[in-house]
Amino acid sequence: MSVTFRRLTAADLPLLRSWLQEPHVARWWNHETSPEAVERDFGPAARGEEPSEDLVVTVDGDDIGLVQRFRLHDYPEYVAELTPHVPVPVEAVSLDYLIGDPARIGHGLGPVVLREAVEDTWKNYPQAQEILIPVVAGNQRSWRSLEKAGADRIASCHMEPDNPIDPPLHHVYRFARATW
């Protein structure tokens, strides 16, 4: 299986919008999906105006999902939310991810994509020693994928959930370069 990543472009926004509308994605991403909202929230990264990267995940030539990657310290509000619970090294990176194609859910693809995303992060962010990923505790599929990919749960704590219907309990996972 070949997993690759490429930068999201403006031409990808309709596909991303369709993924965000899928029930298995909408439940956890809780994102407004009008064309204007998708452009507003993802267009700046696609144009290189944001420090984050939105990467289309391609598996065996098919676009199947998205990985967002960013240095945590580029977003002080995330650091402020995490710091009371875990140390956040200056060069730490975070990932957010989705498999948008419903035909690809439940086949073990999540851990494979995450491992490849971690490898790609170590290559493209040579100063990063850790990847920290908070996940709402109710999203068991997501945190089990992190565990299967080799992440360690380093904390369970209350944080503001993306979806207001979720309780605040989150698990924080870490990939450490030193033990990868």
N, C-alpha and C. Protein backbone atom coordinates (compact mmCIF):
# COMPACT_ATOMS: atom_id res chain seq x y z
N MET A 1 0.84 -1.17 0.00
CA MET A 1 0.00 0.00 0.00
C MET A 1 0.89 1.24 0.00
N SER A 2 0.60 2.16 -0.89
CA SER A 2 1.35 3.40 -1.00
C SER A 2 0.54 4.56 -0.41
N VAL A 3 1.10 5.20 0.63
CA VAL A 3 0.46 6.36 1.26
C VAL A 3 1.35 7.57 1.00
N THR A 4 0.75 8.60 0.41
CA THR A 4 1.49 9.83 0.16
C THR A 4 0.66 11.02 0.63
N PHE A 5 1.33 12.16 0.72
CA PHE A 5 0.69 13.40 1.14
C PHE A 5 1.03 14.49 0.14
N ARG A 6 0.05 15.34 -0.12
CA ARG A 6 0.30 16.51 -0.96
C ARG A 6 -0.48 17.67 -0.37
N ARG A 7 0.03 18.86 -0.62
CA ARG A 7 -0.63 20.06 -0.12
C ARG A 7 -2.04 20.19 -0.67
N LEU A 8 -2.98 20.52 0.19
CA LEU A 8 -4.34 20.84 -0.22
C LEU A 8 -4.30 22.08 -1.11
N THR A 9 -5.05 22.08 -2.19
CA THR A 9 -5.15 23.24 -3.07
C THR A 9 -6.60 23.71 -3.11
N ALA A 10 -6.82 24.87 -3.70
CA ALA A 10 -8.18 25.38 -3.84
C ALA A 10 -9.06 24.40 -4.60
N ALA A 11 -8.47 23.69 -5.55
CA ALA A 11 -9.24 22.72 -6.34
C ALA A 11 -9.73 21.55 -5.49
N ASP A 12 -9.09 21.31 -4.32
CA ASP A 12 -9.48 20.20 -3.43
C ASP A 12 -10.60 20.57 -2.48
N LEU A 13 -10.94 21.85 -2.38
CA LEU A 13 -11.92 22.28 -1.37
C LEU A 13 -13.29 21.62 -1.54
N PRO A 14 -13.81 21.42 -2.74
CA PRO A 14 -15.08 20.69 -2.85
C PRO A 14 -15.00 19.26 -2.32
N LEU A 15 -13.89 18.58 -2.57
CA LEU A 15 -13.72 17.23 -2.04
C LEU A 15 -13.64 17.27 -0.52
N LEU A 16 -12.87 18.19 0.02
CA LEU A 16 -12.78 18.32 1.48
C LEU A 16 -14.16 18.61 2.06
N ARG A 17 -14.90 19.48 1.43
CA ARG A 17 -16.25 19.80 1.89
C ARG A 17 -17.10 18.54 1.94
N SER A 18 -17.01 17.69 0.91
CA SER A 18 -17.80 16.45 0.90
C SER A 18 -17.39 15.53 2.05
N TRP A 19 -16.09 15.48 2.36
CA TRP A 19 -15.64 14.66 3.48
C TRP A 19 -16.17 15.21 4.79
N LEU A 20 -16.13 16.52 4.96
CA LEU A 20 -16.61 17.14 6.20
C LEU A 20 -18.10 16.90 6.41
N GLN A 21 -18.83 16.64 5.33
CA GLN A 21 -20.27 16.38 5.42
C GLN A 21 -20.59 14.92 5.71
N GLU A 22 -19.61 14.04 5.59
CA GLU A 22 -19.85 12.62 5.88
C GLU A 22 -20.15 12.47 7.37
N PRO A 23 -21.18 11.70 7.74
CA PRO A 23 -21.55 11.58 9.16
C PRO A 23 -20.40 11.17 10.08
N HIS A 24 -19.54 10.25 9.64
CA HIS A 24 -18.45 9.78 10.49
C HIS A 24 -17.40 10.87 10.72
N VAL A 25 -17.31 11.85 9.83
CA VAL A 25 -16.41 12.98 9.99
C VAL A 25 -17.11 14.11 10.73
N ALA A 26 -18.33 14.43 10.29
CA ALA A 26 -19.07 15.55 10.88
C ALA A 26 -19.25 15.38 12.39
N ARG A 27 -19.41 14.16 12.85
CA ARG A 27 -19.59 13.92 14.29
C ARG A 27 -18.44 14.47 15.11
N TRP A 28 -17.22 14.32 14.62
CA TRP A 28 -16.05 14.69 15.43
C TRP A 28 -15.44 16.02 15.00
N TRP A 29 -15.53 16.38 13.74
CA TRP A 29 -14.95 17.65 13.29
C TRP A 29 -15.89 18.82 13.54
N ASN A 30 -17.21 18.58 13.52
CA ASN A 30 -18.19 19.62 13.86
C ASN A 30 -17.86 20.93 13.15
N HIS A 31 -17.72 20.86 11.85
CA HIS A 31 -17.25 21.99 11.06
C HIS A 31 -18.37 22.50 10.16
N GLU A 32 -18.48 23.79 10.03
CA GLU A 32 -19.42 24.37 9.08
C GLU A 32 -18.99 23.98 7.67
N THR A 33 -19.95 23.56 6.84
CA THR A 33 -19.57 22.99 5.54
C THR A 33 -20.08 23.77 4.34
N SER A 34 -20.51 24.99 4.52
CA SER A 34 -20.87 25.77 3.34
C SER A 34 -19.59 26.00 2.53
N PRO A 35 -19.70 26.19 1.22
CA PRO A 35 -18.50 26.47 0.43
C PRO A 35 -17.71 27.66 0.98
N GLU A 36 -18.42 28.67 1.45
CA GLU A 36 -17.75 29.86 1.98
C GLU A 36 -16.98 29.53 3.26
N ALA A 37 -17.56 28.70 4.12
CA ALA A 37 -16.89 28.35 5.37
C ALA A 37 -15.65 27.49 5.11
N VAL A 38 -15.76 26.55 4.19
CA VAL A 38 -14.61 25.70 3.87
C VAL A 38 -13.49 26.56 3.27
N GLU A 39 -13.83 27.48 2.40
CA GLU A 39 -12.83 28.40 1.84
C GLU A 39 -12.22 29.26 2.95
N ARG A 40 -13.05 29.79 3.82
CA ARG A 40 -12.58 30.64 4.92
C ARG A 40 -11.60 29.90 5.82
N ASP A 41 -11.93 28.65 6.14
CA ASP A 41 -11.15 27.92 7.14
C ASP A 41 -9.98 27.12 6.56
N PHE A 42 -10.06 26.74 5.30
CA PHE A 42 -8.99 25.93 4.71
C PHE A 42 -8.25 26.65 3.59
N GLY A 43 -8.85 27.65 3.01
CA GLY A 43 -8.22 28.40 1.92
C GLY A 43 -6.89 29.03 2.30
N PRO A 44 -6.80 29.70 3.47
CA PRO A 44 -5.52 30.33 3.83
C PRO A 44 -4.35 29.34 3.90
N ALA A 45 -4.57 28.16 4.45
CA ALA A 45 -3.48 27.17 4.50
C ALA A 45 -3.16 26.68 3.09
N ALA A 46 -4.18 26.50 2.25
CA ALA A 46 -3.94 26.05 0.88
C ALA A 46 -3.12 27.08 0.10
N ARG A 47 -3.30 28.36 0.43
CA ARG A 47 -2.55 29.42 -0.25
C ARG A 47 -1.22 29.74 0.44
N GLY A 48 -0.89 29.03 1.51
CA GLY A 48 0.36 29.28 2.23
C GLY A 48 0.32 30.51 3.12
N GLU A 49 -0.86 30.97 3.47
CA GLU A 49 -1.01 32.16 4.32
C GLU A 49 -1.08 31.82 5.80
N GLU A 50 -1.12 30.55 6.13
CA GLU A 50 -1.16 30.06 7.51
C GLU A 50 0.11 29.24 7.76
N PRO A 51 0.55 29.18 9.01
CA PRO A 51 1.73 28.35 9.28
C PRO A 51 1.43 26.85 9.28
N SER A 52 0.15 26.48 9.27
CA SER A 52 -0.20 25.06 9.27
C SER A 52 -0.15 24.50 7.85
N GLU A 53 -0.15 23.17 7.78
CA GLU A 53 -0.22 22.48 6.49
C GLU A 53 -1.48 21.63 6.48
N ASP A 54 -2.24 21.72 5.42
CA ASP A 54 -3.35 20.81 5.19
C ASP A 54 -2.91 19.90 4.05
N LEU A 55 -2.83 18.62 4.36
CA LEU A 55 -2.28 17.65 3.42
C LEU A 55 -3.34 16.63 3.02
N VAL A 56 -3.56 16.48 1.73
CA VAL A 56 -4.46 15.46 1.23
C VAL A 56 -3.72 14.13 1.32
N VAL A 57 -4.40 13.14 1.90
CA VAL A 57 -3.83 11.79 2.02
C VAL A 57 -4.27 11.00 0.79
N THR A 58 -3.29 10.42 0.11
CA THR A 58 -3.55 9.61 -1.07
C THR A 58 -3.08 8.18 -0.78
N VAL A 59 -3.96 7.23 -1.01
CA VAL A 59 -3.62 5.82 -0.82
C VAL A 59 -3.79 5.11 -2.15
N ASP A 60 -2.70 4.56 -2.62
CA ASP A 60 -2.70 3.85 -3.91
C ASP A 60 -3.35 4.69 -5.01
N GLY A 61 -3.04 5.98 -5.01
CA GLY A 61 -3.52 6.88 -6.05
C GLY A 61 -4.88 7.52 -5.80
N ASP A 62 -5.58 7.12 -4.75
CA ASP A 62 -6.91 7.67 -4.45
C ASP A 62 -6.82 8.65 -3.27
N ASP A 63 -7.41 9.83 -3.42
CA ASP A 63 -7.50 10.79 -2.32
C ASP A 63 -8.54 10.28 -1.33
N ILE A 64 -8.12 10.06 -0.09
CA ILE A 64 -9.03 9.43 0.89
C ILE A 64 -9.21 10.24 2.17
N GLY A 65 -8.39 11.26 2.41
CA GLY A 65 -8.52 11.97 3.67
C GLY A 65 -7.60 13.17 3.76
N LEU A 66 -7.49 13.68 4.98
CA LEU A 66 -6.75 14.90 5.24
C LEU A 66 -5.95 14.76 6.52
N VAL A 67 -4.73 15.29 6.50
CA VAL A 67 -3.93 15.46 7.71
C VAL A 67 -3.61 16.94 7.83
N GLN A 68 -3.92 17.51 8.98
CA GLN A 68 -3.48 18.87 9.28
C GLN A 68 -2.26 18.74 10.16
N ARG A 69 -1.24 19.53 9.86
CA ARG A 69 0.01 19.45 10.63
C ARG A 69 0.45 20.87 10.95
N PHE A 70 0.87 21.08 12.19
CA PHE A 70 1.30 22.42 12.59
C PHE A 70 2.18 22.36 13.83
N ARG A 71 3.07 23.32 13.91
CA ARG A 71 3.86 23.50 15.13
C ARG A 71 2.93 24.11 16.16
N LEU A 72 2.89 23.50 17.32
CA LEU A 72 1.98 23.97 18.35
C LEU A 72 2.25 25.42 18.73
N HIS A 73 3.52 25.80 18.82
CA HIS A 73 3.85 27.16 19.26
C HIS A 73 3.48 28.23 18.22
N ASP A 74 3.10 27.82 17.02
CA ASP A 74 2.57 28.78 16.05
C ASP A 74 1.13 29.19 16.41
N TYR A 75 0.52 28.46 17.33
CA TYR A 75 -0.85 28.71 17.77
C TYR A 75 -0.87 28.77 19.30
N PRO A 76 -0.56 29.93 19.87
CA PRO A 76 -0.44 30.06 21.33
C PRO A 76 -1.67 29.59 22.11
N GLU A 77 -2.85 29.69 21.52
CA GLU A 77 -4.05 29.24 22.24
C GLU A 77 -4.02 27.73 22.48
N TYR A 78 -3.44 26.96 21.56
CA TYR A 78 -3.31 25.52 21.77
C TYR A 78 -2.28 25.21 22.86
N VAL A 79 -1.20 25.94 22.83
CA VAL A 79 -0.16 25.75 23.86
C VAL A 79 -0.74 26.07 25.24
N ALA A 80 -1.49 27.16 25.33
CA ALA A 80 -2.09 27.56 26.61
C ALA A 80 -3.05 26.49 27.12
N GLU A 81 -3.76 25.85 26.22
CA GLU A 81 -4.71 24.81 26.64
C GLU A 81 -4.00 23.52 27.05
N LEU A 82 -2.90 23.19 26.39
CA LEU A 82 -2.18 21.94 26.69
C LEU A 82 -1.23 22.05 27.87
N THR A 83 -0.58 23.19 28.03
CA THR A 83 0.48 23.34 29.02
C THR A 83 0.10 22.97 30.45
N PRO A 84 -1.12 23.24 30.90
CA PRO A 84 -1.44 22.80 32.27
C PRO A 84 -1.44 21.28 32.45
N HIS A 85 -1.46 20.55 31.35
CA HIS A 85 -1.60 19.09 31.42
C HIS A 85 -0.35 18.33 31.01
N VAL A 86 0.39 18.87 30.03
CA VAL A 86 1.59 18.21 29.53
C VAL A 86 2.61 19.27 29.14
N PRO A 87 3.91 18.94 29.21
CA PRO A 87 4.90 19.87 28.69
C PRO A 87 4.77 19.97 27.16
N VAL A 88 4.96 21.17 26.63
CA VAL A 88 4.86 21.39 25.18
C VAL A 88 6.20 21.96 24.71
N PRO A 89 7.10 21.10 24.24
CA PRO A 89 8.40 21.59 23.75
C PRO A 89 8.21 22.61 22.63
N VAL A 90 9.18 23.50 22.49
CA VAL A 90 9.09 24.60 21.54
C VAL A 90 8.84 24.12 20.11
N GLU A 91 9.46 23.06 19.68
CA GLU A 91 9.31 22.59 18.31
C GLU A 91 8.26 21.48 18.16
N ALA A 92 7.46 21.24 19.19
CA ALA A 92 6.45 20.18 19.12
C ALA A 92 5.45 20.46 18.00
N VAL A 93 5.03 19.38 17.36
CA VAL A 93 4.08 19.43 16.25
C VAL A 93 2.81 18.72 16.69
N SER A 94 1.70 19.08 16.10
CA SER A 94 0.45 18.35 16.31
C SER A 94 -0.12 17.95 14.96
N LEU A 95 -0.94 16.93 14.99
CA LEU A 95 -1.63 16.44 13.80
C LEU A 95 -3.12 16.35 14.10
N ASP A 96 -3.91 16.64 13.12
CA ASP A 96 -5.33 16.32 13.14
C ASP A 96 -5.57 15.57 11.83
N TYR A 97 -6.56 14.73 11.79
CA TYR A 97 -6.66 13.83 10.66
C TYR A 97 -8.09 13.35 10.49
N LEU A 98 -8.39 12.98 9.27
CA LEU A 98 -9.67 12.36 8.97
C LEU A 98 -9.51 11.47 7.76
N ILE A 99 -10.26 10.40 7.76
CA ILE A 99 -10.44 9.59 6.56
C ILE A 99 -11.83 9.92 6.07
N GLY A 100 -11.90 10.61 4.95
CA GLY A 100 -13.18 11.12 4.47
C GLY A 100 -13.99 10.12 3.68
N ASP A 101 -13.32 9.23 2.99
CA ASP A 101 -14.00 8.25 2.16
C ASP A 101 -14.62 7.17 3.05
N PRO A 102 -15.97 7.12 3.14
CA PRO A 102 -16.59 6.15 4.05
C PRO A 102 -16.27 4.70 3.70
N ALA A 103 -15.93 4.40 2.45
CA ALA A 103 -15.58 3.03 2.07
C ALA A 103 -14.25 2.61 2.67
N ARG A 104 -13.46 3.57 3.16
CA ARG A 104 -12.13 3.27 3.71
C ARG A 104 -12.13 3.15 5.23
N ILE A 105 -13.27 3.36 5.87
CA ILE A 105 -13.36 3.31 7.33
C ILE A 105 -13.48 1.86 7.79
N GLY A 106 -12.81 1.54 8.91
CA GLY A 106 -12.95 0.22 9.51
C GLY A 106 -12.10 -0.86 8.89
N HIS A 107 -11.09 -0.48 8.12
CA HIS A 107 -10.23 -1.47 7.47
C HIS A 107 -8.78 -1.37 7.92
N GLY A 108 -8.53 -0.68 9.04
CA GLY A 108 -7.17 -0.57 9.56
C GLY A 108 -6.31 0.48 8.89
N LEU A 109 -6.91 1.34 8.11
CA LEU A 109 -6.15 2.35 7.39
C LEU A 109 -5.66 3.48 8.28
N GLY A 110 -6.43 3.84 9.33
CA GLY A 110 -6.06 4.94 10.22
C GLY A 110 -4.66 4.82 10.78
N PRO A 111 -4.31 3.69 11.41
CA PRO A 111 -2.95 3.56 11.94
C PRO A 111 -1.86 3.63 10.87
N VAL A 112 -2.15 3.10 9.68
CA VAL A 112 -1.18 3.14 8.58
C VAL A 112 -0.93 4.59 8.17
N VAL A 113 -2.00 5.35 7.99
CA VAL A 113 -1.87 6.76 7.62
C VAL A 113 -1.13 7.53 8.72
N LEU A 114 -1.47 7.27 9.97
CA LEU A 114 -0.81 7.98 11.06
C LEU A 114 0.69 7.67 11.11
N ARG A 115 1.07 6.41 10.95
CA ARG A 115 2.50 6.07 10.94
C ARG A 115 3.24 6.80 9.82
N GLU A 116 2.61 6.83 8.64
CA GLU A 116 3.23 7.54 7.52
C GLU A 116 3.30 9.04 7.78
N ALA A 117 2.27 9.60 8.42
CA ALA A 117 2.27 11.03 8.75
C ALA A 117 3.36 11.34 9.77
N VAL A 118 3.59 10.45 10.72
CA VAL A 118 4.66 10.64 11.70
C VAL A 118 6.02 10.60 10.99
N GLU A 119 6.23 9.60 10.14
CA GLU A 119 7.49 9.50 9.39
C GLU A 119 7.73 10.78 8.57
N ASP A 120 6.69 11.24 7.90
CA ASP A 120 6.80 12.44 7.08
C ASP A 120 7.09 13.67 7.95
N THR A 121 6.52 13.70 9.14
CA THR A 121 6.78 14.82 10.05
C THR A 121 8.22 14.82 10.51
N TRP A 122 8.75 13.67 10.89
CA TRP A 122 10.17 13.62 11.31
C TRP A 122 11.08 14.10 10.18
N LYS A 123 10.74 13.75 8.95
CA LYS A 123 11.55 14.15 7.80
C LYS A 123 11.45 15.66 7.54
N ASN A 124 10.24 16.21 7.61
CA ASN A 124 10.02 17.60 7.25
C ASN A 124 10.15 18.59 8.39
N TYR A 125 10.20 18.10 9.61
CA TYR A 125 10.38 18.95 10.79
C TYR A 125 11.53 18.39 11.62
N PRO A 126 12.76 18.55 11.15
CA PRO A 126 13.90 17.90 11.81
C PRO A 126 14.14 18.37 13.25
N GLN A 127 13.65 19.54 13.62
CA GLN A 127 13.83 20.01 15.00
C GLN A 127 12.77 19.46 15.95
N ALA A 128 11.69 18.93 15.41
CA ALA A 128 10.60 18.41 16.26
C ALA A 128 11.05 17.12 16.92
N GLN A 129 10.90 17.08 18.23
CA GLN A 129 11.22 15.87 18.98
C GLN A 129 9.96 15.14 19.44
N GLU A 130 8.81 15.84 19.39
CA GLU A 130 7.55 15.24 19.82
C GLU A 130 6.41 15.69 18.92
N ILE A 131 5.46 14.79 18.78
CA ILE A 131 4.17 15.10 18.15
C ILE A 131 3.13 14.86 19.24
N LEU A 132 2.39 15.90 19.58
CA LEU A 132 1.36 15.82 20.63
C LEU A 132 -0.01 15.94 19.99
N ILE A 133 -0.90 15.01 20.35
CA ILE A 133 -2.23 14.98 19.74
C ILE A 133 -3.28 14.77 20.83
N PRO A 134 -4.07 15.82 21.13
CA PRO A 134 -5.21 15.62 22.04
C PRO A 134 -6.41 15.10 21.26
N VAL A 135 -7.12 14.15 21.85
CA VAL A 135 -8.30 13.55 21.20
C VAL A 135 -9.41 13.48 22.24
N VAL A 136 -10.61 13.92 21.87
CA VAL A 136 -11.73 13.81 22.79
C VAL A 136 -11.91 12.32 23.14
N ALA A 137 -12.10 12.04 24.42
CA ALA A 137 -12.12 10.66 24.90
C ALA A 137 -13.22 9.82 24.24
N GLY A 138 -14.31 10.45 23.86
CA GLY A 138 -15.40 9.71 23.23
C GLY A 138 -15.09 9.20 21.84
N ASN A 139 -14.04 9.74 21.21
CA ASN A 139 -13.69 9.32 19.85
C ASN A 139 -12.73 8.13 19.91
N GLN A 140 -13.26 7.02 20.34
CA GLN A 140 -12.44 5.83 20.56
C GLN A 140 -11.75 5.36 19.28
N ARG A 141 -12.42 5.45 18.15
CA ARG A 141 -11.79 5.02 16.89
C ARG A 141 -10.51 5.81 16.64
N SER A 142 -10.54 7.12 16.94
CA SER A 142 -9.37 7.96 16.71
C SER A 142 -8.24 7.60 17.67
N TRP A 143 -8.53 7.52 18.96
CA TRP A 143 -7.42 7.25 19.88
C TRP A 143 -6.93 5.82 19.80
N ARG A 144 -7.77 4.89 19.39
CA ARG A 144 -7.27 3.53 19.18
C ARG A 144 -6.34 3.48 17.97
N SER A 145 -6.63 4.28 16.94
CA SER A 145 -5.73 4.36 15.79
C SER A 145 -4.38 4.91 16.21
N LEU A 146 -4.39 5.92 17.07
CA LEU A 146 -3.12 6.47 17.57
C LEU A 146 -2.33 5.41 18.32
N GLU A 147 -3.00 4.65 19.17
CA GLU A 147 -2.31 3.59 19.92
C GLU A 147 -1.75 2.53 18.98
N LYS A 148 -2.53 2.12 18.00
CA LYS A 148 -2.05 1.11 17.04
C LYS A 148 -0.89 1.63 16.21
N ALA A 149 -0.83 2.95 16.02
CA ALA A 149 0.26 3.56 15.25
C ALA A 149 1.52 3.74 16.09
N GLY A 150 1.41 3.52 17.42
CA GLY A 150 2.59 3.60 18.27
C GLY A 150 2.65 4.80 19.20
N ALA A 151 1.58 5.57 19.30
CA ALA A 151 1.57 6.72 20.21
C ALA A 151 1.36 6.26 21.64
N ASP A 152 1.90 7.02 22.57
CA ASP A 152 1.70 6.76 23.99
C ASP A 152 0.71 7.77 24.56
N ARG A 153 -0.25 7.27 25.35
CA ARG A 153 -1.15 8.19 26.05
C ARG A 153 -0.37 8.75 27.23
N ILE A 154 -0.24 10.07 27.27
CA ILE A 154 0.55 10.69 28.33
C ILE A 154 -0.29 11.48 29.32
N ALA A 155 -1.56 11.69 29.02
CA ALA A 155 -2.43 12.40 29.95
C ALA A 155 -3.89 12.18 29.56
N SER A 156 -4.73 12.31 30.55
CA SER A 156 -6.17 12.43 30.35
C SER A 156 -6.58 13.66 31.14
N CYS A 157 -7.27 14.58 30.50
CA CYS A 157 -7.53 15.87 31.12
C CYS A 157 -8.76 16.52 30.49
N HIS A 158 -9.22 17.57 31.12
CA HIS A 158 -10.36 18.31 30.58
C HIS A 158 -9.86 19.44 29.70
N MET A 159 -10.38 19.46 28.47
CA MET A 159 -10.09 20.51 27.49
C MET A 159 -11.40 20.84 26.78
N GLU A 160 -11.43 21.99 26.13
CA GLU A 160 -12.62 22.39 25.39
C GLU A 160 -12.81 21.47 24.18
N PRO A 161 -13.95 20.77 24.09
CA PRO A 161 -14.16 19.89 22.94
C PRO A 161 -14.51 20.68 21.68
N ASP A 162 -14.17 20.11 20.51
CA ASP A 162 -14.55 20.73 19.24
C ASP A 162 -16.06 20.74 19.05
N ASN A 163 -16.70 19.68 19.52
CA ASN A 163 -18.14 19.57 19.40
C ASN A 163 -18.76 19.81 20.78
N PRO A 164 -19.62 20.81 20.93
CA PRO A 164 -20.16 21.12 22.25
C PRO A 164 -21.00 19.99 22.86
N ILE A 165 -21.38 18.98 22.09
CA ILE A 165 -22.13 17.86 22.68
C ILE A 165 -21.22 16.90 23.43
N ASP A 166 -19.90 17.03 23.26
CA ASP A 166 -18.97 16.12 23.91
C ASP A 166 -18.59 16.62 25.29
N PRO A 167 -18.38 15.69 26.23
CA PRO A 167 -17.81 16.09 27.51
C PRO A 167 -16.36 16.56 27.30
N PRO A 168 -15.80 17.29 28.25
CA PRO A 168 -14.46 17.85 28.05
C PRO A 168 -13.30 16.86 28.18
N LEU A 169 -13.55 15.63 28.59
CA LEU A 169 -12.44 14.69 28.78
C LEU A 169 -11.73 14.40 27.47
N HIS A 170 -10.42 14.60 27.47
CA HIS A 170 -9.55 14.31 26.32
C HIS A 170 -8.42 13.40 26.77
N HIS A 171 -7.89 12.64 25.83
CA HIS A 171 -6.65 11.90 26.03
C HIS A 171 -5.60 12.61 25.18
N VAL A 172 -4.42 12.77 25.74
CA VAL A 172 -3.32 13.38 25.00
C VAL A 172 -2.31 12.28 24.67
N TYR A 173 -1.98 12.19 23.39
CA TYR A 173 -1.04 11.17 22.90
C TYR A 173 0.24 11.84 22.43
N ARG A 174 1.33 11.06 22.54
CA ARG A 174 2.64 11.56 22.11
C ARG A 174 3.36 10.51 21.28
N PHE A 175 3.92 10.99 20.17
CA PHE A 175 4.93 10.25 19.43
C PHE A 175 6.24 10.95 19.75
N ALA A 176 7.24 10.22 20.19
CA ALA A 176 8.53 10.80 20.52
C ALA A 176 9.57 10.31 19.52
N ARG A 177 10.29 11.26 18.95
CA ARG A 177 11.33 10.89 17.97
C ARG A 177 12.34 9.93 18.59
N ALA A 178 12.69 10.15 19.83
CA ALA A 178 13.73 9.35 20.50
C ALA A 178 13.37 7.87 20.58
N THR A 179 12.07 7.56 20.64
CA THR A 179 11.66 6.15 20.75
C THR A 179 10.99 5.64 19.50
N TRP A 180 10.94 6.45 18.46
CA TRP A 180 10.29 6.03 17.22
C TRP A 180 11.14 5.02 16.51
